[in-house]
């Protein structure tokens, strides 16, 4: 099964309009290849001739990055509200911060109040951040695959140049997401697993085995092996 179809299995359905439109980009490449084959034109592009694919490509990448920035801002705001609410109850200063996300402390059972930081609250927030992390990783993988396809089918050598522009965008590094995931794991461990962070990590992560976790091996071992694991297993 081709990447464009397989990638869809890992998408949050509500986020699908904001995912890189791999299919449209692939069709643009194929259409140009057919045109050049019929016309007998060489597969060497001028900057002007590269315009159609590159215009669509960077528009799609910008769409992905804009969605990421909007979504991470919403999630960080939720993080902030929970942290402020809980911190005020236990008398912790809101000045205590990490670089991208506030830490949490849990209320004791005998503290006289019910902490707003419940298992469900942490799990749901963790799930949202984890989904956004998968969204970023899968989009970056899609970007790399479509640029490889572009170079291969049209005999160009533009992947590195175009990637250099893409890697400057915020969704590629997605550091706030990573920081908040780590902080949620620490807080969950302090509240519910006696400080055991690996145990907290295991409890917080979605039960369903994701395609992305298998496919991540493709960065090292290639594209085929993870797909075989997914569809044979």
Foldseek 3Di string as FASTA:
>chain_A
DDPQVVLVVLADVVCVVLFQNLVVLVVVLVVVLVVCVVVVNALDDDPVRCPPSVVSRVVSLVSNLVVLVVLVVVLQVVQLVLQVVQCVLVVHDPVQDDPQHRAHADDDPPSPDHRPPDPVNLLVSLVSLVSLLLSLVSRVVSLLVSVVVNCVSSVHDCSVVVVVVSCVGCSNPVVSSVVVNQRSLQNCCVVPVVRPSVVSVVVSDDPDDGLCVLQVCCVPPNRPVSVCVVPVD
